[in-house]
Amino acid sequence: MKKTLMIILILAMWIILGAMNIEIRGTDARFGIPEMDLDSVSYVAINDLSPILKCINKQDRSDQRLYLHIYGETFIFLEDSPYYSYKIDSYNMHYPLRRIGSDYYLPKIFLSEHLALHFEGDAYWDAGTLSVKEPADHSVQVIVIDPGHGGKDPGAIGKVLKAQEKDVNLAVSLKLKALLEEELGVKVLMTRNDDSFVSLNDRTRFANENKADLFISVHTNASKSNASRGAETYYLSTAMTSDARAVEALENQVVELYEGGASARSKYDDLDFILSDLSQTEHLESSNELASSIQQNIIAGARAYDRGVKQANFYVLRGAFMPSVLVELGFISNPDEERLLVNAEYQQRLARTIFEGIKRFKYRYDRIRNT
């Protein structure tokens, strides 16, 4: 109660001065966001600014920092301090960043003077108006689906029906593609649309060259034990468990079997440094969230046994510089699951559950990146 009263009293100290004008060059877009006065200094709310400039802000309450991403660059502010960091330098706004409740407020001087300093030519202040270039839309717009195996590489083979993994992967992927296009309106590209062989390296290169926002690799699991069952979803990391290492070895063996043997494997192993490359590791948290969302929906919608979200060092995920996951739909080596995996209705259910997981992730991811 006392905290609520304190916030009300602080808010009562603010005086709305009017609107600060923002124009997006090359468009007809014009905006006015409220200016507020605190201690005779003009401030603007980051929540008002973010939808216009497509800012992304992340709070670190442990050390009272605010990370503000604008036009692909990161500014680090310290609460109640006039200083902020940009690249390797520190800058002084003369007036501090303020927080009221969960909302942050920037002194107007950051917009009227500092943006032009950091984004010369892209942002400038003229006669009370902030003029900026059109911000990029960072929402998920392009998704690459990768049906595992194909062509000369059949993947795992069922023990009863002799079903081939490559066929199950493609069938589910095509159904998933249709759902994503029809219901989310996103652009969906496939690493293969038919029974053709595509190297692991070419799969992620395809995703990178097409500037994919998400990479979904679809697979079917196998085990020496007929009793192994269930679905699991992976994202990239060094394998930590014996089960993860076993699946990793199964999916990576395509390199030695169909891509040139030990020398090809050595080429892929030389790419281990990518794991520490910021252009990839920055997506690991999002990959984890995407994997969790897909896994939860598969278990709920397909009523599959839950093997969880795991990490493994899959070659096919190493070079993908976007949130990326590998989905294991079930065990084709399990007679009961093999019968399900070749069933068109069950394939549609799997596609629907993966779709729901992607949709849930997309809505959250888009809000974070564009607000």
Protein backbone atom coordinates (compact mmCIF):
# COMPACT_ATOMS: atom_id res chain seq x y z
CA MET A 1 0.00 0.00 0.00
CA LYS A 2 2.79 2.40 0.92
CA LYS A 3 4.60 1.59 -2.34
CA THR A 4 1.44 2.32 -4.35
CA LEU A 5 0.95 5.65 -2.60
CA MET A 6 4.58 6.55 -3.24
CA ILE A 7 4.21 5.88 -6.97
CA ILE A 8 1.03 7.97 -7.07
CA LEU A 9 2.78 10.86 -5.33
CA ILE A 10 5.74 10.67 -7.73
CA LEU A 11 3.43 10.58 -10.73
CA ALA A 12 1.63 13.61 -9.37
CA MET A 13 4.93 15.52 -9.56
CA TRP A 14 5.08 15.02 -13.32
CA ILE A 15 3.68 17.70 -15.55
CA ILE A 16 2.75 16.85 -19.11
CA LEU A 17 4.37 19.55 -21.22
CA GLY A 18 2.94 18.56 -24.58
CA ALA A 19 4.07 16.26 -27.35
CA MET A 20 7.48 15.63 -28.85
CA ASN A 21 7.20 15.10 -32.60
CA ILE A 22 8.84 12.19 -34.42
CA GLU A 23 8.82 11.72 -38.17
CA ILE A 24 9.92 8.62 -40.09
CA ARG A 25 11.76 9.77 -43.19
CA GLY A 26 10.59 8.38 -46.49
CA THR A 27 7.11 7.68 -45.11
CA ASP A 28 4.03 9.64 -44.12
CA ALA A 29 4.38 8.48 -40.52
CA ARG A 30 4.24 11.26 -37.92
CA PHE A 31 3.96 10.70 -34.19
CA GLY A 32 3.58 12.78 -31.06
CA ILE A 33 4.67 11.31 -27.73
CA PRO A 34 4.08 13.00 -24.37
CA GLU A 35 6.85 15.07 -22.83
CA MET A 36 6.87 15.13 -19.06
CA ASP A 37 8.54 17.50 -16.65
CA LEU A 38 10.43 16.31 -13.61
CA ASP A 39 12.51 18.80 -11.66
CA SER A 40 12.24 21.19 -14.62
CA VAL A 41 13.71 18.62 -17.03
CA SER A 42 11.80 17.21 -19.99
CA TYR A 43 11.51 13.40 -20.17
CA VAL A 44 9.88 10.85 -22.48
CA ALA A 45 8.71 7.34 -21.60
CA ILE A 46 10.63 4.52 -23.24
CA ASN A 47 7.32 2.64 -23.55
CA ASP A 48 6.06 5.49 -25.76
CA LEU A 49 9.24 5.56 -27.81
CA SER A 50 9.71 1.82 -28.39
CA PRO A 51 6.82 1.09 -30.78
CA ILE A 52 7.91 3.97 -33.04
CA LEU A 53 11.64 3.27 -33.21
CA LYS A 54 11.23 -0.51 -32.79
CA CYS A 55 13.44 -0.39 -29.72
CA ILE A 56 14.13 -3.45 -27.62
CA ASN A 57 14.77 -2.87 -23.93
CA LYS A 58 15.91 -5.33 -21.32
CA GLN A 59 16.12 -4.59 -17.62
CA ASP A 60 18.74 -5.93 -15.26
CA ARG A 61 17.34 -5.14 -11.83
CA SER A 62 20.28 -6.79 -10.07
CA ASP A 63 22.57 -3.87 -10.90
CA GLN A 64 19.87 -1.35 -11.96
CA ARG A 65 20.87 -1.31 -15.60
CA LEU A 66 18.74 -0.83 -18.66
CA TYR A 67 19.86 -2.19 -22.05
CA LEU A 68 18.29 -0.29 -24.93
CA HIS A 69 18.71 -1.64 -28.48
CA ILE A 70 18.13 0.89 -31.27
CA TYR A 71 18.95 0.38 -34.95
CA GLY A 72 21.02 -2.68 -34.12
CA GLU A 73 23.14 -0.90 -31.49
CA THR A 74 23.06 -1.27 -27.70
CA PHE A 75 23.05 1.52 -25.13
CA ILE A 76 23.54 0.67 -21.45
CA PHE A 77 21.99 3.08 -18.95
CA LEU A 78 22.34 3.09 -15.19
CA GLU A 79 19.22 3.97 -13.24
CA ASP A 80 19.34 7.46 -11.64
CA SER A 81 22.60 8.22 -13.45
CA PRO A 82 23.15 10.69 -16.31
CA TYR A 83 25.84 8.43 -17.80
CA TYR A 84 25.40 5.66 -20.35
CA SER A 85 27.73 3.37 -22.29
CA TYR A 86 27.82 3.00 -26.05
CA LYS A 87 30.37 0.66 -27.59
CA ILE A 88 33.57 1.34 -25.62
CA ASP A 89 32.81 4.91 -24.52
CA SER A 90 30.78 6.59 -21.80
CA TYR A 91 28.53 9.60 -22.42
CA ASN A 92 26.89 12.17 -20.16
CA MET A 93 23.26 13.26 -20.74
CA HIS A 94 23.52 15.69 -17.80
CA TYR A 95 20.19 14.37 -16.52
CA PRO A 96 19.59 10.86 -15.13
CA LEU A 97 17.55 7.96 -16.42
CA ARG A 98 14.49 7.69 -14.17
CA ARG A 99 12.30 4.75 -13.23
CA ILE A 100 8.78 4.93 -11.84
CA GLY A 101 7.33 1.55 -10.99
CA SER A 102 8.37 -0.68 -13.87
CA ASP A 103 8.55 2.15 -16.44
CA TYR A 104 11.70 3.97 -17.53
CA TYR A 105 12.00 7.59 -18.70
CA LEU A 106 14.77 9.12 -20.79
CA PRO A 107 15.73 12.77 -20.65
CA LYS A 108 14.67 14.41 -23.89
CA ILE A 109 18.25 15.53 -24.53
CA PHE A 110 19.16 11.94 -25.41
CA LEU A 111 16.80 12.14 -28.38
CA SER A 112 17.43 15.75 -29.36
CA GLU A 113 21.24 15.62 -29.21
CA HIS A 114 22.70 12.17 -28.58
CA LEU A 115 20.92 10.10 -31.23
CA ALA A 116 22.27 12.35 -33.98
CA LEU A 117 25.74 11.94 -32.50
CA HIS A 118 25.59 8.13 -32.69
CA PHE A 119 23.54 7.75 -35.88
CA GLU A 120 24.85 10.56 -38.04
CA GLY A 121 22.66 10.97 -41.09
CA ASP A 122 20.07 8.50 -39.81
CA ALA A 123 18.73 10.68 -36.99
CA TYR A 124 18.67 14.43 -36.51
CA TRP A 125 16.78 17.09 -34.57
CA ASP A 126 15.18 19.94 -36.44
CA ALA A 127 12.82 22.62 -35.12
CA GLY A 128 11.44 20.47 -32.31
CA THR A 129 11.06 17.32 -34.41
CA LEU A 130 13.13 14.14 -34.27
CA SER A 131 13.60 12.89 -37.82
CA VAL A 132 14.77 9.29 -38.16
CA LYS A 133 15.16 6.66 -40.84
CA GLU A 134 12.54 3.93 -40.97
CA PRO A 135 13.37 1.28 -38.34
CA ALA A 136 13.69 -2.33 -39.35
CA ASP A 137 10.94 -4.81 -38.52
CA HIS A 138 12.54 -7.57 -36.43
CA SER A 139 9.49 -9.82 -36.23
CA VAL A 140 9.63 -13.40 -37.46
CA GLN A 141 8.92 -13.24 -41.18
CA VAL A 142 10.99 -16.06 -42.75
CA ILE A 143 11.10 -19.61 -41.38
CA VAL A 144 13.26 -22.38 -42.81
CA ILE A 145 12.03 -25.93 -42.23
CA ASP A 146 14.63 -28.64 -42.60
CA PRO A 147 13.25 -32.17 -43.16
CA GLY A 148 16.12 -34.31 -41.92
CA HIS A 149 17.94 -36.80 -44.18
CA GLY A 150 16.69 -37.55 -47.73
CA GLY A 151 17.82 -39.12 -50.99
CA LYS A 152 20.63 -41.61 -50.48
CA ASP A 153 20.40 -40.98 -46.73
CA PRO A 154 17.23 -42.69 -45.40
CA GLY A 155 17.89 -41.82 -41.78
CA ALA A 156 16.60 -44.31 -39.22
CA ILE A 157 14.51 -47.25 -40.42
CA GLY A 158 11.60 -48.82 -38.55
CA LYS A 159 11.95 -52.38 -37.30
CA VAL A 160 8.44 -53.59 -38.14
CA LEU A 161 7.05 -51.58 -41.06
CA LYS A 162 10.53 -50.65 -42.33
CA ALA A 163 9.39 -47.05 -42.55
CA GLN A 164 12.15 -44.61 -43.48
CA GLU A 165 12.79 -41.56 -41.34
CA LYS A 166 13.35 -39.31 -44.36
CA ASP A 167 9.75 -39.88 -45.52
CA VAL A 168 8.21 -39.14 -42.11
CA ASN A 169 10.31 -36.00 -41.72
CA LEU A 170 9.26 -34.67 -45.13
CA ALA A 171 5.57 -35.47 -44.65
CA VAL A 172 5.37 -33.65 -41.31
CA SER A 173 7.45 -30.74 -42.62
CA LEU A 174 5.19 -30.18 -45.62
CA LYS A 175 2.12 -30.16 -43.37
CA LEU A 176 3.87 -27.72 -41.02
CA LYS A 177 4.76 -25.47 -43.95
CA ALA A 178 1.11 -25.26 -45.02
CA LEU A 179 -0.04 -24.34 -41.51
CA LEU A 180 2.59 -21.62 -41.08
CA GLU A 181 1.78 -20.04 -44.44
CA GLU A 182 -1.99 -20.23 -44.11
CA GLU A 183 -2.39 -19.22 -40.47
CA LEU A 184 0.63 -17.02 -39.70
CA GLY A 185 1.22 -15.57 -43.16
CA VAL A 186 4.99 -16.00 -42.88
CA LYS A 187 7.35 -16.97 -45.69
CA VAL A 188 8.35 -20.62 -45.32
CA LEU A 189 11.31 -22.15 -47.16
CA MET A 190 12.26 -25.82 -47.19
CA THR A 191 15.80 -27.19 -47.37
CA ARG A 192 14.26 -29.97 -49.44
CA ASN A 193 10.78 -30.39 -50.92
CA ASP A 194 11.26 -33.93 -52.19
CA ASP A 195 13.35 -37.05 -51.68
CA SER A 196 16.70 -35.42 -52.37
CA PHE A 197 19.98 -35.42 -50.48
CA VAL A 198 21.19 -32.13 -48.96
CA SER A 199 24.42 -31.89 -46.97
CA LEU A 200 24.23 -30.63 -43.41
CA ASN A 201 26.38 -27.64 -44.28
CA ASP A 202 24.13 -26.70 -47.21
CA ARG A 203 21.06 -26.78 -44.98
CA THR A 204 22.25 -24.05 -42.64
CA ARG A 205 23.89 -22.12 -45.48
CA PHE A 206 20.47 -22.06 -47.15
CA ALA A 207 18.93 -20.63 -43.98
CA ASN A 208 21.61 -17.96 -43.62
CA GLU A 209 21.54 -16.91 -47.26
CA ASN A 210 17.76 -16.50 -47.11
CA LYS A 211 18.05 -14.47 -43.89
CA ALA A 212 15.78 -16.85 -42.01
CA ASP A 213 14.42 -15.73 -38.65
CA LEU A 214 13.92 -19.32 -37.41
CA PHE A 215 15.41 -22.69 -38.37
CA ILE A 216 13.42 -25.84 -37.55
CA SER A 217 15.05 -29.20 -38.28
CA VAL A 218 12.57 -32.12 -38.21
CA HIS A 219 13.78 -35.64 -37.36
CA THR A 220 12.65 -39.03 -36.11
CA ASN A 221 14.58 -40.84 -33.40
CA ALA A 222 15.86 -44.42 -33.16
CA SER A 223 17.35 -46.66 -30.53
CA LYS A 224 18.69 -50.20 -30.20
CA SER A 225 15.95 -50.74 -27.63
CA ASN A 226 12.41 -51.24 -28.95
CA ALA A 227 11.12 -49.78 -25.70
CA SER A 228 12.60 -46.29 -26.17
CA ARG A 229 9.81 -43.81 -26.86
CA GLY A 230 8.74 -40.21 -26.77
CA ALA A 231 9.45 -36.82 -28.28
CA GLU A 232 12.27 -34.42 -27.47
CA THR A 233 13.48 -31.09 -28.78
CA TYR A 234 17.10 -29.94 -28.93
CA TYR A 235 18.98 -26.71 -29.25
CA LEU A 236 22.69 -26.27 -29.85
CA SER A 237 25.34 -26.87 -27.23
CA THR A 238 27.99 -29.41 -26.33
CA ALA A 239 26.15 -32.60 -25.41
CA MET A 240 26.00 -33.02 -21.65
CA THR A 241 24.12 -36.29 -21.09
CA SER A 242 24.63 -39.83 -22.40
CA ASP A 243 21.20 -39.78 -24.07
CA ALA A 244 21.97 -36.48 -25.79
CA ARG A 245 25.34 -37.78 -26.96
CA ALA A 246 23.64 -40.88 -28.40
CA VAL A 247 21.14 -38.83 -30.41
CA GLU A 248 23.91 -36.44 -31.44
CA ALA A 249 25.98 -39.34 -32.79
CA LEU A 250 22.96 -40.73 -34.65
CA GLU A 251 22.15 -37.45 -36.40
CA ASN A 252 25.78 -36.52 -37.08
CA GLN A 253 26.79 -39.86 -38.62
CA VAL A 254 25.38 -38.72 -41.97
CA VAL A 255 28.63 -36.81 -42.45
CA GLU A 256 30.77 -39.94 -42.44
CA LEU A 257 28.24 -42.12 -44.25
CA TYR A 258 27.19 -39.80 -47.05
CA GLU A 259 29.39 -36.71 -47.12
CA GLY A 260 32.94 -37.99 -47.54
CA GLY A 261 33.90 -39.89 -44.42
CA ALA A 262 36.42 -38.89 -41.78
CA SER A 263 37.81 -35.95 -43.73
CA ALA A 264 34.34 -34.41 -43.97
CA ARG A 265 33.79 -34.99 -40.26
CA SER A 266 37.06 -33.22 -39.57
CA LYS A 267 35.84 -30.26 -41.60
CA TYR A 268 32.72 -30.03 -39.46
CA ASP A 269 34.71 -30.46 -36.26
CA ASP A 270 36.85 -27.52 -37.29
CA LEU A 271 33.72 -25.44 -36.93
CA ASP A 272 33.57 -25.93 -33.16
CA PHE A 273 34.74 -22.36 -32.71
CA ILE A 274 31.32 -21.23 -33.90
CA LEU A 275 29.91 -22.22 -30.53
CA SER A 276 31.75 -19.29 -29.00
CA ASP A 277 30.98 -16.87 -31.82
CA LEU A 278 28.64 -14.13 -30.61
CA SER A 279 26.76 -14.13 -33.89
CA GLN A 280 25.47 -17.57 -32.93
CA THR A 281 25.56 -17.78 -29.16
CA GLU A 282 23.38 -14.68 -28.84
CA HIS A 283 20.52 -16.84 -30.16
CA LEU A 284 20.94 -19.71 -27.70
CA GLU A 285 18.50 -18.29 -25.15
CA SER A 286 15.87 -17.78 -27.84
CA SER A 287 16.59 -21.27 -29.20
CA ASN A 288 15.98 -22.67 -25.73
CA GLU A 289 12.67 -20.80 -25.51
CA LEU A 290 11.64 -21.98 -28.98
CA ALA A 291 12.54 -25.58 -28.12
CA SER A 292 10.55 -25.37 -24.87
CA SER A 293 7.51 -23.95 -26.61
CA ILE A 294 7.53 -26.65 -29.30
CA GLN A 295 8.16 -29.46 -26.81
CA GLN A 296 5.33 -28.37 -24.51
CA ASN A 297 2.87 -28.28 -27.38
CA ILE A 298 3.93 -31.65 -28.82
CA ILE A 299 3.44 -33.31 -25.45
CA ALA A 300 0.08 -31.66 -24.84
CA GLY A 301 -1.28 -31.98 -28.37
CA ALA A 302 0.13 -35.31 -29.55
CA ARG A 303 0.10 -36.89 -26.07
CA ALA A 304 3.61 -38.12 -26.63
CA TYR A 305 5.89 -39.27 -23.83
CA ASP A 306 7.91 -36.25 -22.70
CA ARG A 307 11.67 -36.71 -23.05
CA GLY A 308 12.21 -33.00 -22.47
CA VAL A 309 14.23 -30.16 -23.95
CA LYS A 310 17.92 -30.99 -24.32
CA GLN A 311 21.16 -29.61 -25.66
CA ALA A 312 23.44 -31.36 -28.15
CA ASN A 313 26.14 -30.49 -30.64
CA PHE A 314 24.32 -31.23 -33.91
CA TYR A 315 26.25 -30.39 -37.05
CA VAL A 316 23.05 -29.22 -38.73
CA LEU A 317 22.52 -26.54 -36.09
CA ARG A 318 26.10 -25.27 -35.82
CA GLY A 319 26.08 -22.77 -38.64
CA ALA A 320 22.56 -21.41 -38.24
CA PHE A 321 22.79 -17.80 -37.09
CA MET A 322 19.20 -17.50 -35.87
CA PRO A 323 17.09 -19.26 -33.20
CA SER A 324 17.36 -22.92 -34.22
CA VAL A 325 16.03 -26.22 -32.92
CA LEU A 326 16.00 -29.89 -33.86
CA VAL A 327 12.76 -31.78 -33.16
CA GLU A 328 12.74 -35.55 -32.64
CA LEU A 329 9.11 -36.54 -33.34
CA GLY A 330 9.28 -40.00 -31.78
CA PHE A 331 11.10 -43.34 -32.06
CA ILE A 332 10.70 -45.07 -35.39
CA SER A 333 12.47 -48.03 -33.75
CA ASN A 334 9.51 -48.42 -31.36
CA PRO A 335 6.81 -50.53 -33.10
CA ASP A 336 3.92 -48.56 -31.58
CA GLU A 337 5.43 -45.18 -32.41
CA GLU A 338 6.44 -46.35 -35.91
CA ARG A 339 2.77 -47.08 -36.65
CA LEU A 340 1.84 -43.62 -35.43
CA LEU A 341 4.61 -41.85 -37.34
CA VAL A 342 3.50 -43.23 -40.72
CA ASN A 343 -0.15 -42.34 -40.04
CA ALA A 344 -1.21 -39.21 -41.97
CA GLU A 345 -3.60 -38.04 -39.23
CA TYR A 346 -0.90 -38.34 -36.58
CA GLN A 347 1.55 -36.54 -38.86
CA GLN A 348 -0.97 -33.71 -39.15
CA ARG A 349 -1.32 -33.62 -35.38
CA LEU A 350 2.45 -33.40 -34.97
CA ALA A 351 2.59 -30.59 -37.54
CA ARG A 352 -0.19 -28.76 -35.70
CA THR A 353 1.54 -29.05 -32.33
CA ILE A 354 4.87 -27.82 -33.72
CA PHE A 355 3.00 -24.98 -35.40
CA GLU A 356 1.34 -23.99 -32.12
CA GLY A 357 4.73 -23.98 -30.42
CA ILE A 358 6.22 -21.76 -33.12
CA LYS A 359 3.20 -19.45 -33.03
CA ARG A 360 3.40 -19.01 -29.26
CA PHE A 361 7.14 -18.32 -29.49
CA LYS A 362 6.68 -15.88 -32.39
CA TYR A 363 4.11 -13.75 -30.59
CA ARG A 364 6.40 -13.36 -27.58
CA TYR A 365 9.58 -12.95 -29.63
CA ASP A 366 8.01 -10.29 -31.86
CA ARG A 367 6.85 -8.28 -28.85
CA ILE A 368 10.30 -8.39 -27.27
CA ARG A 369 12.10 -7.37 -30.45
CA ASN A 370 9.68 -4.69 -31.60
CA THR A 371 8.47 -3.10 -28.39
